[in-house]
Protein backbone atom coordinates (compact mmCIF):
# COMPACT_ATOMS: atom_id res chain seq x y z
CA MET A 1 57.51 -4.54 -2.71
CA LYS A 2 54.52 -2.35 -2.50
CA PHE A 3 50.99 -2.55 -1.76
CA SER A 4 49.39 0.53 -2.59
CA GLN A 5 46.89 -1.25 -5.77
CA ARG A 6 45.32 -4.10 -4.46
CA GLU A 7 43.89 -6.32 -7.43
CA PRO A 8 39.96 -6.83 -7.22
CA VAL A 9 38.63 -9.87 -5.97
CA SER A 10 37.37 -11.48 -9.19
CA ARG A 11 33.37 -12.50 -9.10
CA TRP A 12 34.77 -15.86 -9.38
CA MET A 13 36.06 -16.56 -5.65
CA GLN A 14 33.27 -14.32 -4.61
CA GLY A 15 31.08 -16.92 -5.25
CA VAL A 16 33.13 -19.39 -4.02
CA VAL A 17 33.34 -17.52 -0.82
CA ALA A 18 30.04 -17.29 -0.95
CA LEU A 19 29.00 -20.78 -1.29
CA PHE A 20 31.24 -21.42 1.16
CA LEU A 21 29.81 -19.59 3.96
CA ALA A 22 26.41 -21.25 2.97
CA MET A 23 27.22 -24.63 3.29
CA LEU A 24 28.38 -23.65 7.13
CA ALA A 25 24.90 -22.61 7.90
CA LEU A 26 23.57 -24.76 10.92
CA PRO A 27 20.50 -26.32 10.94
CA ALA A 28 17.28 -23.67 11.75
CA TRP A 29 15.61 -26.83 13.49
CA ALA A 30 12.23 -25.59 12.41
CA TYR A 31 9.02 -27.18 12.22
CA LEU A 32 6.88 -26.87 8.98
CA ASP A 33 3.21 -27.74 9.25
CA PRO A 34 1.43 -29.37 6.08
CA GLY A 35 -0.75 -25.97 6.22
CA THR A 36 2.37 -23.50 5.50
CA GLY A 37 3.33 -25.59 2.35
CA SER A 38 -0.21 -25.33 1.44
CA MET A 39 0.13 -21.70 2.42
CA ILE A 40 2.50 -21.13 -0.11
CA ILE A 41 1.53 -23.49 -3.29
CA SER A 42 -1.83 -21.08 -2.67
CA ALA A 43 0.07 -17.91 -2.65
CA ILE A 44 1.97 -19.01 -6.20
CA VAL A 45 -1.27 -20.23 -7.43
CA GLY A 46 -2.85 -16.90 -6.73
CA LEU A 47 0.07 -14.91 -7.71
CA PHE A 48 0.00 -17.15 -11.73
CA ALA A 49 -3.85 -16.37 -11.68
CA THR A 50 -3.41 -12.36 -11.23
CA ILE A 51 -0.36 -12.18 -13.85
CA GLY A 52 -3.37 -14.24 -16.35
CA LEU A 53 -6.17 -11.89 -15.26
CA ALA A 54 -3.90 -8.76 -16.22
CA VAL A 55 -2.75 -10.31 -19.51
CA LYS A 56 -6.58 -10.98 -20.44
CA THR A 57 -7.76 -7.64 -18.91
CA TYR A 58 -5.26 -5.86 -21.34
CA TRP A 59 -4.89 -8.11 -24.40
CA TYR A 60 -6.16 -5.70 -26.73
CA LYS A 61 -4.04 -2.91 -25.72
CA ILE A 62 -1.11 -5.11 -25.48
CA LYS A 63 -1.86 -6.39 -28.60
CA ALA A 64 -2.62 -3.13 -30.29
CA PHE A 65 0.71 -1.88 -29.01
CA MET A 66 2.62 -4.69 -30.80
CA ARG A 67 0.81 -3.54 -33.88
CA LYS A 68 2.29 -1.08 -36.53
CA ASP A 69 -1.04 0.47 -37.16
CA GLY A 70 -1.57 1.30 -33.06
CA ALA A 71 -4.64 2.39 -31.41
CA GLU A 72 -7.30 2.64 -34.37
CA SER A 73 -7.16 -1.75 -34.86
CA ALA A 74 -7.56 -1.79 -30.93
CA VAL A 75 -10.85 0.56 -31.10
CA ARG A 76 -12.04 -1.52 -34.33
CA ASP A 77 -11.77 -4.83 -32.34
CA GLU A 78 -13.54 -3.54 -29.21
CA ALA A 79 -16.13 -2.48 -31.27
CA GLU A 80 -16.30 -5.27 -33.13
CA ILE A 81 -16.54 -7.44 -29.76
CA ASP A 82 -19.26 -4.94 -28.09
CA SER A 83 -21.64 -5.27 -31.24
CA GLU A 84 -21.06 -9.54 -31.23
CA SER A 85 -21.90 -9.05 -27.57
CA SER A 86 -24.72 -6.78 -28.06
CA ALA A 87 -26.46 -9.06 -31.10
CA ASP A 88 -26.16 -12.42 -28.81
CA HIS A 89 -28.54 -11.07 -26.19
């Protein structure tokens, strides 16, 4: 019997081995104070706020990119907003 060609290990078997090894991890006995959880939540909220601000900032460019007529409509939209905001003041 020749063993010159080995069969590759299937993805399923790799997953089973990885799961088994993850379950063998020893406890860290680490302490996370309430400030750490608050800091993690604050970072997540900040990330969503940053993404929202970026989308809001580039909304007209994104909208123009999705349209077929492209940049012409974006220029018109921005001109209309500028004229409305200057008329209000």
